[in-house]
C-alpha cells in the first residue's frame, strides 16, 4: 500500500508539472508540439540522471515510477533504449525504437478511426 501511495503522489506531481510546463511552452509555439518535445526531452534527461544515482527504493518509486511516469512515459522508453545500446544490444535497441514508435503511431491512428 505504501508503494502505491508513493507512486500515486509522484504521479500527481509529475502530471501537474507536465500541465504547467506544457501550458507555458505552448504559448510560444502554438503550431508545433514543442511543449510535448520539451516534456519528453526533460523527462528523458531526468530519468537518465535519477537512474544513475543510488536511490532508495521509496525514492525511486516516488520520483522515477510516479513523478516521471506522470510527467512522461517517453522517458522510460528512452532509458530502456539507451540501456540496450550501452550493453551492446544494438539490434534490440534499434528494434525497440522502431517498433515502439511505429506500433504506437499505428495504434494511435487506429484509435482515431475506430468508432
PDB file of N, CA and C in Angstrom:
ATOM      1  N   UNK A   1       0.812  -1.193   0.000  1.00  0.00           N
ATOM      2  CA  UNK A   1       0.000   0.000   0.000  1.00  0.00           C
ATOM      3  C   UNK A   1       0.865   1.270   0.000  1.00  0.00           C
ATOM      4  N   UNK A   2       1.960   1.234   0.768  1.00  0.00           N
ATOM      5  CA  UNK A   2       2.855   2.388   0.817  1.00  0.00           C
ATOM      6  C   UNK A   2       3.451   2.652  -0.563  1.00  0.00           C
ATOM      7  N   UNK A   3       3.821   1.587  -1.276  1.00  0.00           N
ATOM      8  CA  UNK A   3       4.392   1.757  -2.613  1.00  0.00           C
ATOM      9  C   UNK A   3       3.404   2.439  -3.550  1.00  0.00           C
ATOM     10  N   UNK A   4       2.147   2.035  -3.483  1.00  0.00           N
ATOM     11  CA  UNK A   4       1.134   2.643  -4.346  1.00  0.00           C
ATOM     12  C   UNK A   4       0.921   4.115  -4.001  1.00  0.00           C
ATOM     13  N   UNK A   5       0.982   4.450  -2.734  1.00  0.00           N
ATOM     14  CA  UNK A   5       0.864   5.856  -2.330  1.00  0.00           C
ATOM     15  C   UNK A   5       2.040   6.686  -2.841  1.00  0.00           C
ATOM     16  N   UNK A   6       3.236   6.140  -2.749  1.00  0.00           N
ATOM     17  CA  UNK A   6       4.417   6.841  -3.263  1.00  0.00           C
ATOM     18  C   UNK A   6       4.285   7.080  -4.763  1.00  0.00           C
ATOM     19  N   UNK A   7       3.878   6.052  -5.492  1.00  0.00           N
ATOM     20  CA  UNK A   7       3.718   6.166  -6.944  1.00  0.00           C
ATOM     21  C   UNK A   7       2.602   7.152  -7.278  1.00  0.00           C
ATOM     22  N   UNK A   8       1.476   7.049  -6.574  1.00  0.00           N
ATOM     23  CA  UNK A   8       0.346   7.941  -6.834  1.00  0.00           C
ATOM     24  C   UNK A   8       0.662   9.400  -6.552  1.00  0.00           C
ATOM     25  N   UNK A   9       1.320   9.662  -5.441  1.00  0.00           N
ATOM     26  CA  UNK A   9       1.697  11.049  -5.111  1.00  0.00           C
ATOM     27  C   UNK A   9       2.710  11.590  -6.113  1.00  0.00           C
ATOM     28  N   UNK A  10       3.667  10.762  -6.488  1.00  0.00           N
ATOM     29  CA  UNK A  10       4.633  11.172  -7.503  1.00  0.00           C
ATOM     30  C   UNK A  10       3.959  11.414  -8.839  1.00  0.00           C
ATOM     31  N   UNK A  11       3.017  10.543  -9.200  1.00  0.00           N
ATOM     32  CA  UNK A  11       2.282  10.701 -10.455  1.00  0.00           C
ATOM     33  C   UNK A  11       1.494  11.997 -10.493  1.00  0.00           C
ATOM     34  N   UNK A  12       0.885  12.350  -9.370  1.00  0.00           N
ATOM     35  CA  UNK A  12       0.166  13.620  -9.271  1.00  0.00           C
ATOM     36  C   UNK A  12       1.115  14.788  -9.524  1.00  0.00           C
ATOM     37  N   UNK A  13       2.253  14.762  -8.853  1.00  0.00           N
ATOM     38  CA  UNK A  13       3.246  15.826  -9.009  1.00  0.00           C
ATOM     39  C   UNK A  13       3.732  15.912 -10.458  1.00  0.00           C
ATOM     40  N   UNK A  14       4.050  14.769 -11.053  1.00  0.00           N
ATOM     41  CA  UNK A  14       4.535  14.753 -12.430  1.00  0.00           C
ATOM     42  C   UNK A  14       3.495  15.256 -13.418  1.00  0.00           C
ATOM     43  N   UNK A  15       2.240  14.870 -13.212  1.00  0.00           N
ATOM     44  CA  UNK A  15       1.166  15.308 -14.107  1.00  0.00           C
ATOM     45  C   UNK A  15       0.941  16.810 -14.021  1.00  0.00           C
ATOM     46  N   UNK A  16       0.980  17.345 -12.818  1.00  0.00           N
ATOM     47  CA  UNK A  16       0.815  18.791 -12.638  1.00  0.00           C
ATOM     48  C   UNK A  16       1.989  19.539 -13.281  1.00  0.00           C
ATOM     49  N   UNK A  17       3.196  19.039 -13.079  1.00  0.00           N
ATOM     50  CA  UNK A  17       4.377  19.669 -13.695  1.00  0.00           C
ATOM     51  C   UNK A  17       4.275  19.645 -15.215  1.00  0.00           C
ATOM     52  N   UNK A  18       3.800  18.538 -15.759  1.00  0.00           N
ATOM     53  CA  UNK A  18       3.639  18.444 -17.211  1.00  0.00           C
ATOM     54  C   UNK A  18       2.636  19.488 -17.696  1.00  0.00           C
ATOM     55  N   UNK A  19       1.510  19.623 -17.014  1.00  0.00           N
ATOM     56  CA  UNK A  19       0.487  20.586 -17.428  1.00  0.00           C
ATOM     57  C   UNK A  19       1.020  22.014 -17.376  1.00  0.00           C
ATOM     58  N   UNK A  20       1.738  22.345 -16.323  1.00  0.00           N
ATOM     59  CA  UNK A  20       2.283  23.701 -16.172  1.00  0.00           C
ATOM     60  C   UNK A  20       3.325  23.986 -17.255  1.00  0.00           C
ATOM     61  N   UNK A  21       4.275  23.070 -17.428  1.00  0.00           N
ATOM     62  CA  UNK A  21       5.323  23.270 -18.434  1.00  0.00           C
ATOM     63  C   UNK A  21       4.739  23.288 -19.842  1.00  0.00           C
ATOM     64  N   UNK A  22       3.838  22.365 -20.125  1.00  0.00           N
ATOM     65  CA  UNK A  22       3.225  22.316 -21.458  1.00  0.00           C
ATOM     66  C   UNK A  22       2.470  23.599 -21.763  1.00  0.00           C
ATOM     67  N   UNK A  23       1.719  24.084 -20.795  1.00  0.00           N
ATOM     68  CA  UNK A  23       0.973  25.324 -20.998  1.00  0.00           C
ATOM     69  C   UNK A  23       1.876  26.511 -21.252  1.00  0.00           C
ATOM     70  N   UNK A  24       2.971  26.581 -20.525  1.00  0.00           N
ATOM     71  CA  UNK A  24       3.903  27.701 -20.685  1.00  0.00           C
ATOM     72  C   UNK A  24       4.593  27.658 -22.045  1.00  0.00           C
ATOM     73  N   UNK A  25       5.052  26.492 -22.451  1.00  0.00           N
ATOM     74  CA  UNK A  25       5.783  26.364 -23.719  1.00  0.00           C
ATOM     75  C   UNK A  25       4.843  26.528 -24.910  1.00  0.00           C
ATOM     76  N   UNK A  26       3.624  26.013 -24.812  1.00  0.00           N
ATOM     77  CA  UNK A  26       2.677  26.072 -25.930  1.00  0.00           C
ATOM     78  C   UNK A  26       2.338  27.508 -26.324  1.00  0.00           C
ATOM     79  N   UNK A  27       2.433  28.437 -25.393  1.00  0.00           N
ATOM     80  CA  UNK A  27       2.153  29.844 -25.702  1.00  0.00           C
ATOM     81  C   UNK A  27       3.153  30.410 -26.705  1.00  0.00           C
ATOM     82  N   UNK A  28       4.377  29.889 -26.694  1.00  0.00           N
ATOM     83  CA  UNK A  28       5.423  30.408 -27.568  1.00  0.00           C
ATOM     84  C   UNK A  28       5.447  29.740 -28.934  1.00  0.00           C
ATOM     85  N   UNK A  29       4.832  28.579 -29.042  1.00  0.00           N
ATOM     86  CA  UNK A  29       4.892  27.833 -30.299  1.00  0.00           C
ATOM     87  C   UNK A  29       3.597  27.032 -30.479  1.00  0.00           C
ATOM     88  N   UNK A  30       2.502  27.713 -30.823  1.00  0.00           N
ATOM     89  CA  UNK A  30       1.208  27.035 -30.878  1.00  0.00           C
ATOM     90  C   UNK A  30       1.018  26.091 -32.073  1.00  0.00           C
ATOM     91  N   UNK A  31       1.829  26.224 -33.120  1.00  0.00           N
ATOM     92  CA  UNK A  31       1.620  25.426 -34.328  1.00  0.00           C
ATOM     93  C   UNK A  31       2.470  24.166 -34.410  1.00  0.00           C
ATOM     94  N   UNK A  32       3.310  23.931 -33.422  1.00  0.00           N
ATOM     95  CA  UNK A  32       4.173  22.746 -33.395  1.00  0.00           C
ATOM     96  C   UNK A  32       4.145  22.197 -31.975  1.00  0.00           C
ATOM     97  N   UNK A  33       4.132  20.868 -31.811  1.00  0.00           N
ATOM     98  CA  UNK A  33       4.055  20.303 -30.457  1.00  0.00           C
ATOM     99  C   UNK A  33       5.371  20.412 -29.686  1.00  0.00           C
ATOM    100  N   UNK A  34       5.886  21.628 -29.605  1.00  0.00           N
ATOM    101  CA  UNK A  34       7.147  21.873 -28.905  1.00  0.00           C
ATOM    102  C   UNK A  34       7.033  21.549 -27.416  1.00  0.00           C
ATOM    103  N   UNK A  35       5.863  21.790 -26.841  1.00  0.00           N
ATOM    104  CA  UNK A  35       5.671  21.504 -25.416  1.00  0.00           C
ATOM    105  C   UNK A  35       5.884  20.020 -25.133  1.00  0.00           C
ATOM    106  N   UNK A  36       5.329  19.168 -25.979  1.00  0.00           N
ATOM    107  CA  UNK A  36       5.499  17.722 -25.801  1.00  0.00           C
ATOM    108  C   UNK A  36       6.951  17.331 -25.973  1.00  0.00           C
ATOM    109  N   UNK A  37       7.611  17.898 -26.960  1.00  0.00           N
ATOM    110  CA  UNK A  37       9.029  17.619 -27.173  1.00  0.00           C
ATOM    111  C   UNK A  37       9.842  18.037 -25.950  1.00  0.00           C
ATOM    112  N   UNK A  38       9.556  19.204 -25.405  1.00  0.00           N
ATOM    113  CA  UNK A  38      10.287  19.673 -24.216  1.00  0.00           C
ATOM    114  C   UNK A  38      10.054  18.759 -23.019  1.00  0.00           C
ATOM    115  N   UNK A  39       8.814  18.373 -22.791  1.00  0.00           N
ATOM    116  CA  UNK A  39       8.494  17.480 -21.676  1.00  0.00           C
ATOM    117  C   UNK A  39       9.213  16.148 -21.851  1.00  0.00           C
ATOM    118  N   UNK A  40       9.150  15.585 -23.050  1.00  0.00           N
ATOM    119  CA  UNK A  40       9.791  14.293 -23.292  1.00  0.00           C
ATOM    120  C   UNK A  40      11.309  14.378 -23.178  1.00  0.00           C
ATOM    121  N   UNK A  41      11.899  15.455 -23.683  1.00  0.00           N
ATOM    122  CA  UNK A  41      13.356  15.612 -23.587  1.00  0.00           C
ATOM    123  C   UNK A  41      13.785  15.783 -22.132  1.00  0.00           C
ATOM    124  N   UNK A  42      13.082  16.626 -21.395  1.00  0.00           N
ATOM    125  CA  UNK A  42      13.418  16.839 -19.988  1.00  0.00           C
ATOM    126  C   UNK A  42      13.212  15.559 -19.181  1.00  0.00           C
ATOM    127  N   UNK A  43      12.115  14.862 -19.433  1.00  0.00           N
ATOM    128  CA  UNK A  43      11.857  13.609 -18.732  1.00  0.00           C
ATOM    129  C   UNK A  43      12.908  12.559 -19.030  1.00  0.00           C
ATOM    130  N   UNK A  44      13.348  12.493 -20.276  1.00  0.00           N
ATOM    131  CA  UNK A  44      14.393  11.539 -20.658  1.00  0.00           C
ATOM    132  C   UNK A  44      15.709  11.867 -19.964  1.00  0.00           C
ATOM    133  N   UNK A  45      16.036  13.153 -19.895  1.00  0.00           N
ATOM    134  CA  UNK A  45      17.249  13.570 -19.186  1.00  0.00           C
ATOM    135  C   UNK A  45      17.156  13.214 -17.703  1.00  0.00           C
ATOM    136  N   UNK A  46      16.030  13.528 -17.103  1.00  0.00           N
ATOM    137  CA  UNK A  46      15.865  13.288 -15.666  1.00  0.00           C
ATOM    138  C   UNK A  46      15.896  11.806 -15.307  1.00  0.00           C
ATOM    139  N   UNK A  47      15.311  10.946 -16.147  1.00  0.00           N
ATOM    140  CA  UNK A  47      15.348   9.518 -15.825  1.00  0.00           C
ATOM    141  C   UNK A  47      16.773   8.991 -15.940  1.00  0.00           C
ATOM    142  N   UNK A  48      17.533   9.536 -16.893  1.00  0.00           N
ATOM    143  CA  UNK A  48      18.935   9.144 -17.002  1.00  0.00           C
ATOM    144  C   UNK A  48      19.719   9.529 -15.759  1.00  0.00           C
ATOM    145  N   UNK A  49      19.495  10.755 -15.286  1.00  0.00           N
ATOM    146  CA  UNK A  49      20.176  11.225 -14.074  1.00  0.00           C
ATOM    147  C   UNK A  49      19.751  10.401 -12.868  1.00  0.00           C
ATOM    148  N   UNK A  50      18.450  10.268 -12.665  1.00  0.00           N
ATOM    149  CA  UNK A  50      17.947   9.593 -11.463  1.00  0.00           C
ATOM    150  C   UNK A  50      18.336   8.123 -11.406  1.00  0.00           C
ATOM    151  N   UNK A  51      18.282   7.437 -12.545  1.00  0.00           N
ATOM    152  CA  UNK A  51      18.603   6.011 -12.524  1.00  0.00           C
ATOM    153  C   UNK A  51      20.100   5.742 -12.491  1.00  0.00           C
ATOM    154  N   UNK A  52      20.908   6.784 -12.654  1.00  0.00           N
ATOM    155  CA  UNK A  52      22.351   6.602 -12.488  1.00  0.00           C
ATOM    156  C   UNK A  52      22.763   6.817 -11.029  1.00  0.00           C
ATOM    157  N   UNK A  53      21.835   7.302 -10.221  1.00  0.00           N
ATOM    158  CA  UNK A  53      22.088   7.504  -8.795  1.00  0.00           C
ATOM    159  C   UNK A  53      21.679   6.257  -8.016  1.00  0.00           C
ATOM    160  N   UNK A  54      22.170   6.146  -6.825  1.00  0.00           N
ATOM    161  CA  UNK A  54      21.819   5.017  -5.963  1.00  0.00           C
ATOM    162  C   UNK A  54      20.645   5.433  -5.072  1.00  0.00           C
ATOM    163  N   UNK A  55      19.454   5.489  -5.658  1.00  0.00           N
ATOM    164  CA  UNK A  55      18.266   5.932  -4.936  1.00  0.00           C
ATOM    165  C   UNK A  55      17.716   4.811  -4.062  1.00  0.00           C
ATOM    166  N   UNK A  56      17.136   5.186  -2.945  1.00  0.00           N
ATOM    167  CA  UNK A  56      16.409   4.196  -2.146  1.00  0.00           C
ATOM    168  C   UNK A  56      15.206   3.732  -2.966  1.00  0.00           C
ATOM    169  N   UNK A  57      14.669   2.593  -2.617  1.00  0.00           N
ATOM    170  CA  UNK A  57      13.509   2.063  -3.348  1.00  0.00           C
ATOM    171  C   UNK A  57      12.324   3.023  -3.254  1.00  0.00           C
ATOM    172  N   UNK A  58      12.097   3.606  -2.091  1.00  0.00           N
ATOM    173  CA  UNK A  58      10.981   4.547  -1.937  1.00  0.00           C
ATOM    174  C   UNK A  58      11.160   5.786  -2.807  1.00  0.00           C
ATOM    175  N   UNK A  59      12.367   6.319  -2.844  1.00  0.00           N
ATOM    176  CA  UNK A  59      12.637   7.494  -3.667  1.00  0.00           C
ATOM    177  C   UNK A  59      12.524   7.156  -5.148  1.00  0.00           C
ATOM    178  N   UNK A  60      12.994   5.968  -5.544  1.00  0.00           N
ATOM    179  CA  UNK A  60      12.868   5.526  -6.938  1.00  0.00           C
ATOM    180  C   UNK A  60      11.396   5.405  -7.329  1.00  0.00           C
ATOM    181  N   UNK A  61      10.594   4.812  -6.463  1.00  0.00           N
ATOM    182  CA  UNK A  61       9.165   4.676  -6.760  1.00  0.00           C
ATOM    183  C   UNK A  61       8.501   6.042  -6.893  1.00  0.00           C
ATOM    184  N   UNK A  62       8.810   6.957  -5.971  1.00  0.00           N
ATOM    185  CA  UNK A  62       8.195   8.281  -5.998  1.00  0.00           C
ATOM    186  C   UNK A  62       8.646   9.095  -7.210  1.00  0.00           C
ATOM    187  N   UNK A  63       9.962   9.186  -7.424  1.00  0.00           N
ATOM    188  CA  UNK A  63      10.491  10.054  -8.477  1.00  0.00           C
ATOM    189  C   UNK A  63      10.421   9.437  -9.867  1.00  0.00           C
ATOM    190  N   UNK A  64      10.901   8.208 -10.003  1.00  0.00           N
ATOM    191  CA  UNK A  64      11.014   7.603 -11.338  1.00  0.00           C
ATOM    192  C   UNK A  64       9.676   7.039 -11.799  1.00  0.00           C
ATOM    193  N   UNK A  65       9.112   6.129 -11.013  1.00  0.00           N
ATOM    194  CA  UNK A  65       7.859   5.489 -11.429  1.00  0.00           C
ATOM    195  C   UNK A  65       6.698   6.477 -11.351  1.00  0.00           C
ATOM    196  N   UNK A  66       6.599   7.207 -10.243  1.00  0.00           N
ATOM    197  CA  UNK A  66       5.484   8.125 -10.057  1.00  0.00           C
ATOM    198  C   UNK A  66       5.627   9.433 -10.806  1.00  0.00           C
ATOM    199  N   UNK A  67       6.590  10.267 -10.375  1.00  0.00           N
ATOM    200  CA  UNK A  67       6.708  11.616 -10.944  1.00  0.00           C
ATOM    201  C   UNK A  67       7.029  11.594 -12.435  1.00  0.00           C
ATOM    202  N   UNK A  68       8.047  10.835 -12.823  1.00  0.00           N
ATOM    203  CA  UNK A  68       8.374  10.803 -14.252  1.00  0.00           C
ATOM    204  C   UNK A  68       7.347  10.010 -15.048  1.00  0.00           C
ATOM    205  N   UNK A  69       6.705   9.032 -14.401  1.00  0.00           N
ATOM    206  CA  UNK A  69       5.618   8.314 -15.063  1.00  0.00           C
ATOM    207  C   UNK A  69       4.449   9.236 -15.361  1.00  0.00           C
ATOM    208  N   UNK A  70       4.161  10.155 -14.443  1.00  0.00           N
ATOM    209  CA  UNK A  70       3.116  11.137 -14.671  1.00  0.00           C
ATOM    210  C   UNK A  70       3.555  12.250 -15.608  1.00  0.00           C
ATOM    211  N   UNK A  71       4.835  12.532 -15.597  1.00  0.00           N
ATOM    212  CA  UNK A  71       5.386  13.595 -16.443  1.00  0.00           C
ATOM    213  C   UNK A  71       5.488  13.129 -17.887  1.00  0.00           C
ATOM    214  N   UNK A  72       6.068  11.957 -18.095  1.00  0.00           N
ATOM    215  CA  UNK A  72       6.219  11.406 -19.440  1.00  0.00           C
ATOM    216  C   UNK A  72       6.586   9.937 -19.376  1.00  0.00           C
ATOM    217  N   UNK A  73       5.919   9.111 -20.173  1.00  0.00           N
ATOM    218  CA  UNK A  73       6.348   7.713 -20.271  1.00  0.00           C
ATOM    219  C   UNK A  73       7.432   7.573 -21.331  1.00  0.00           C
ATOM    220  N   UNK A  74       7.640   8.620 -22.112  1.00  0.00           N
ATOM    221  CA  UNK A  74       8.684   8.577 -23.134  1.00  0.00           C
ATOM    222  C   UNK A  74      10.055   8.450 -22.493  1.00  0.00           C
ATOM    223  N   UNK A  75      10.191   8.953 -21.280  1.00  0.00           N
ATOM    224  CA  UNK A  75      11.476   8.865 -20.595  1.00  0.00           C
ATOM    225  C   UNK A  75      11.857   7.415 -20.324  1.00  0.00           C
ATOM    226  N   UNK A  76      10.891   6.581 -19.982  1.00  0.00           N
ATOM    227  CA  UNK A  76      11.166   5.164 -19.753  1.00  0.00           C
ATOM    228  C   UNK A  76      11.607   4.500 -21.043  1.00  0.00           C
ATOM    229  N   UNK A  77      10.903   4.764 -22.123  1.00  0.00           N
ATOM    230  CA  UNK A  77      11.278   4.232 -23.432  1.00  0.00           C
ATOM    231  C   UNK A  77      12.704   4.662 -23.785  1.00  0.00           C
ATOM    232  N   UNK A  78      13.023   5.926 -23.570  1.00  0.00           N
ATOM    233  CA  UNK A  78      14.357   6.435 -23.893  1.00  0.00           C
ATOM    234  C   UNK A  78      15.425   5.734 -23.071  1.00  0.00           C
ATOM    235  N   UNK A  79      15.191   5.614 -21.770  1.00  0.00           N
ATOM    236  CA  UNK A  79      16.173   4.971 -20.896  1.00  0.00           C
ATOM    237  C   UNK A  79      16.378   3.510 -21.285  1.00  0.00           C
ATOM    238  N   UNK A  80      15.300   2.793 -21.540  1.00  0.00           N
ATOM    239  CA  UNK A  80      15.424   1.374 -21.892  1.00  0.00           C
ATOM    240  C   UNK A  80      16.197   1.199 -23.198  1.00  0.00           C
ATOM    241  N   UNK A  81      15.967   2.082 -24.161  1.00  0.00           N
ATOM    242  CA  UNK A  81      16.680   2.000 -25.435  1.00  0.00           C
ATOM    243  C   UNK A  81      18.156   2.326 -25.250  1.00  0.00           C
ATOM    244  N   UNK A  82      18.469   3.365 -24.485  1.00  0.00           N
ATOM    245  CA  UNK A  82      19.869   3.712 -24.197  1.00  0.00           C
ATOM    246  C   UNK A  82      20.557   2.570 -23.461  1.00  0.00           C
ATOM    247  N   UNK A  83      19.867   1.971 -22.503  1.00  0.00           N
ATOM    248  CA  UNK A  83      20.432   0.847 -21.747  1.00  0.00           C
ATOM    249  C   UNK A  83      20.775  -0.320 -22.679  1.00  0.00           C
ATOM    250  N   UNK A  84      19.909  -0.599 -23.651  1.00  0.00           N
ATOM    251  CA  UNK A  84      20.195  -1.659 -24.621  1.00  0.00           C
ATOM    252  C   UNK A  84      21.430  -1.309 -25.450  1.00  0.00           C
ATOM    253  N   UNK A  85      21.507  -0.075 -25.950  1.00  0.00           N
ATOM    254  CA  UNK A  85      22.693   0.343 -26.707  1.00  0.00           C
ATOM    255  C   UNK A  85      23.950   0.248 -25.847  1.00  0.00           C
ATOM    256  N   UNK A  86      23.860   0.717 -24.611  1.00  0.00           N
ATOM    257  CA  UNK A  86      25.020   0.722 -23.712  1.00  0.00           C
ATOM    258  C   UNK A  86      25.531  -0.671 -23.394  1.00  0.00           C
ATOM    259  N   UNK A  87      24.635  -1.643 -23.405  1.00  0.00           N
ATOM    260  CA  UNK A  87      25.046  -3.019 -23.104  1.00  0.00           C
ATOM    261  C   UNK A  87      25.412  -3.793 -24.366  1.00  0.00           C
ATOM    262  N   UNK A  88      25.524  -3.084 -25.500  1.00  0.00           N
ATOM    263  CA  UNK A  88      25.950  -3.715 -26.742  1.00  0.00           C
ATOM    264  C   UNK A  88      24.844  -4.428 -27.498  1.00  0.00           C
ATOM    265  N   UNK A  89      23.622  -4.287 -27.051  1.00  0.00           N
ATOM    266  CA  UNK A  89      22.493  -4.938 -27.718  1.00  0.00           C
ATOM    267  C   UNK A  89      21.901  -3.983 -28.758  1.00  0.00           C
ATOM    268  N   UNK A  90      22.717  -3.670 -29.755  1.00  0.00           N
ATOM    269  CA  UNK A  90      22.347  -2.649 -30.734  1.00  0.00           C
ATOM    270  C   UNK A  90      21.104  -3.015 -31.535  1.00  0.00           C
ATOM    271  N   UNK A  91      21.001  -4.263 -31.965  1.00  0.00           N
ATOM    272  CA  UNK A  91      19.829  -4.676 -32.735  1.00  0.00           C
ATOM    273  C   UNK A  91      18.569  -4.570 -31.882  1.00  0.00           C
ATOM    274  N   UNK A  92      18.648  -5.032 -30.647  1.00  0.00           N
ATOM    275  CA  UNK A  92      17.492  -4.944 -29.751  1.00  0.00           C
ATOM    276  C   UNK A  92      17.106  -3.484 -29.518  1.00  0.00           C
ATOM    277  N   UNK A  93      18.096  -2.608 -29.370  1.00  0.00           N
ATOM    278  CA  UNK A  93      17.824  -1.183 -29.164  1.00  0.00           C
ATOM    279  C   UNK A  93      17.132  -0.590 -30.387  1.00  0.00           C
ATOM    280  N   UNK A  94      17.653  -0.906 -31.562  1.00  0.00           N
ATOM    281  CA  UNK A  94      17.044  -0.403 -32.792  1.00  0.00           C
ATOM    282  C   UNK A  94      15.619  -0.924 -32.936  1.00  0.00           C
ATOM    283  N   UNK A  95      15.428  -2.224 -32.706  1.00  0.00           N
ATOM    284  CA  UNK A  95      14.090  -2.805 -32.833  1.00  0.00           C
ATOM    285  C   UNK A  95      13.126  -2.204 -31.812  1.00  0.00           C
ATOM    286  N   UNK A  96      13.606  -1.982 -30.604  1.00  0.00           N
ATOM    287  CA  UNK A  96      12.764  -1.355 -29.587  1.00  0.00           C
ATOM    288  C   UNK A  96      12.329   0.036 -30.039  1.00  0.00           C
ATOM    289  N   UNK A  97      13.268   0.819 -30.541  1.00  0.00           N
ATOM    290  CA  UNK A  97      12.941   2.168 -31.002  1.00  0.00           C
ATOM    291  C   UNK A  97      11.987   2.120 -32.192  1.00  0.00           C
ATOM    292  N   UNK A  98      12.307   1.289 -33.164  1.00  0.00           N
ATOM    293  CA  UNK A  98      11.485   1.204 -34.373  1.00  0.00           C
ATOM    294  C   UNK A  98      10.066   0.759 -34.051  1.00  0.00           C
ATOM    295  N   UNK A  99       9.949  -0.351 -33.323  1.00  0.00           N
ATOM    296  CA  UNK A  99       8.619  -0.881 -33.054  1.00  0.00           C
ATOM    297  C   UNK A  99       7.838  -0.027 -32.057  1.00  0.00           C
ATOM    298  N   UNK A 100       8.503   0.549 -31.085  1.00  0.00           N
ATOM    299  CA  UNK A 100       7.791   1.411 -30.135  1.00  0.00           C
ATOM    300  C   UNK A 100       7.156   2.594 -30.855  1.00  0.00           C
ATOM    301  N   UNK A 101       7.922   3.219 -31.726  1.00  0.00           N
ATOM    302  CA  UNK A 101       7.391   4.375 -32.445  1.00  0.00           C
ATOM    303  C   UNK A 101       6.344   3.951 -33.466  1.00  0.00           C
ATOM    304  N   UNK A 102       6.666   2.974 -34.318  1.00  0.00           N
ATOM    305  CA  UNK A 102       5.738   2.610 -35.389  1.00  0.00           C
ATOM    306  C   UNK A 102       4.459   1.966 -34.855  1.00  0.00           C
ATOM    307  N   UNK A 103       4.576   1.066 -33.895  1.00  0.00           N
ATOM    308  CA  UNK A 103       3.380   0.413 -33.347  1.00  0.00           C
ATOM    309  C   UNK A 103       2.506   1.428 -32.609  1.00  0.00           C
ATOM    310  N   UNK A 104       3.124   2.291 -31.815  1.00  0.00           N
ATOM    311  CA  UNK A 104       2.330   3.276 -31.072  1.00  0.00           C
ATOM    312  C   UNK A 104       1.662   4.283 -32.001  1.00  0.00           C
ATOM    313  N   UNK A 105       2.361   4.718 -33.035  1.00  0.00           N
ATOM    314  CA  UNK A 105       1.728   5.605 -34.015  1.00  0.00           C
ATOM    315  C   UNK A 105       0.583   4.890 -34.718  1.00  0.00           C
ATOM    316  N   UNK A 106       0.813   3.637 -35.081  1.00  0.00           N
ATOM    317  CA  UNK A 106      -0.232   2.849 -35.734  1.00  0.00           C
ATOM    318  C   UNK A 106      -1.456   2.672 -34.847  1.00  0.00           C
ATOM    319  N   UNK A 107      -1.230   2.348 -33.590  1.00  0.00           N
ATOM    320  CA  UNK A 107      -2.352   2.174 -32.672  1.00  0.00           C
ATOM    321  C   UNK A 107      -3.067   3.495 -32.405  1.00  0.00           C
ATOM    322  N   UNK A 108      -2.322   4.574 -32.338  1.00  0.00           N
ATOM    323  CA  UNK A 108      -2.939   5.884 -32.162  1.00  0.00           C
ATOM    324  C   UNK A 108      -3.848   6.190 -33.353  1.00  0.00           C
ATOM    325  N   UNK A 109      -3.346   5.941 -34.549  1.00  0.00           N
ATOM    326  CA  UNK A 109      -4.162   6.147 -35.747  1.00  0.00           C
ATOM    327  C   UNK A 109      -5.396   5.260 -35.702  1.00  0.00           C
ATOM    328  N   UNK A 110      -5.203   3.992 -35.361  1.00  0.00           N
ATOM    329  CA  UNK A 110      -6.320   3.057 -35.270  1.00  0.00           C
ATOM    330  C   UNK A 110      -7.367   3.569 -34.280  1.00  0.00           C
ATOM    331  N   UNK A 111      -6.904   4.099 -33.167  1.00  0.00           N
ATOM    332  CA  UNK A 111      -7.827   4.651 -32.179  1.00  0.00           C
ATOM    333  C   UNK A 111      -8.636   5.826 -32.698  1.00  0.00           C
ATOM    334  N   UNK A 112      -8.072   6.574 -33.650  1.00  0.00           N
ATOM    335  CA  UNK A 112      -8.798   7.728 -34.192  1.00  0.00           C
ATOM    336  C   UNK A 112      -9.819   7.334 -35.243  1.00  0.00           C
ATOM    337  N   UNK A 113      -9.657   6.158 -35.856  1.00  0.00           N
ATOM    338  CA  UNK A 113     -10.575   5.769 -36.931  1.00  0.00           C
ATOM    339  C   UNK A 113     -11.637   4.768 -36.491  1.00  0.00           C
ATOM    340  N   UNK A 114     -11.460   4.124 -35.352  1.00  0.00           N
ATOM    341  CA  UNK A 114     -12.462   3.174 -34.856  1.00  0.00           C
ATOM    342  C   UNK A 114     -13.576   3.956 -34.173  1.00  0.00           C
ATOM    343  N   UNK A 115     -14.757   3.658 -34.526  1.00  0.00           N
ATOM    344  CA  UNK A 115     -15.910   4.365 -33.924  1.00  0.00           C
ATOM    345  C   UNK A 115     -16.853   3.361 -33.312  1.00  0.00           C
TER     346      UNK A 115
END
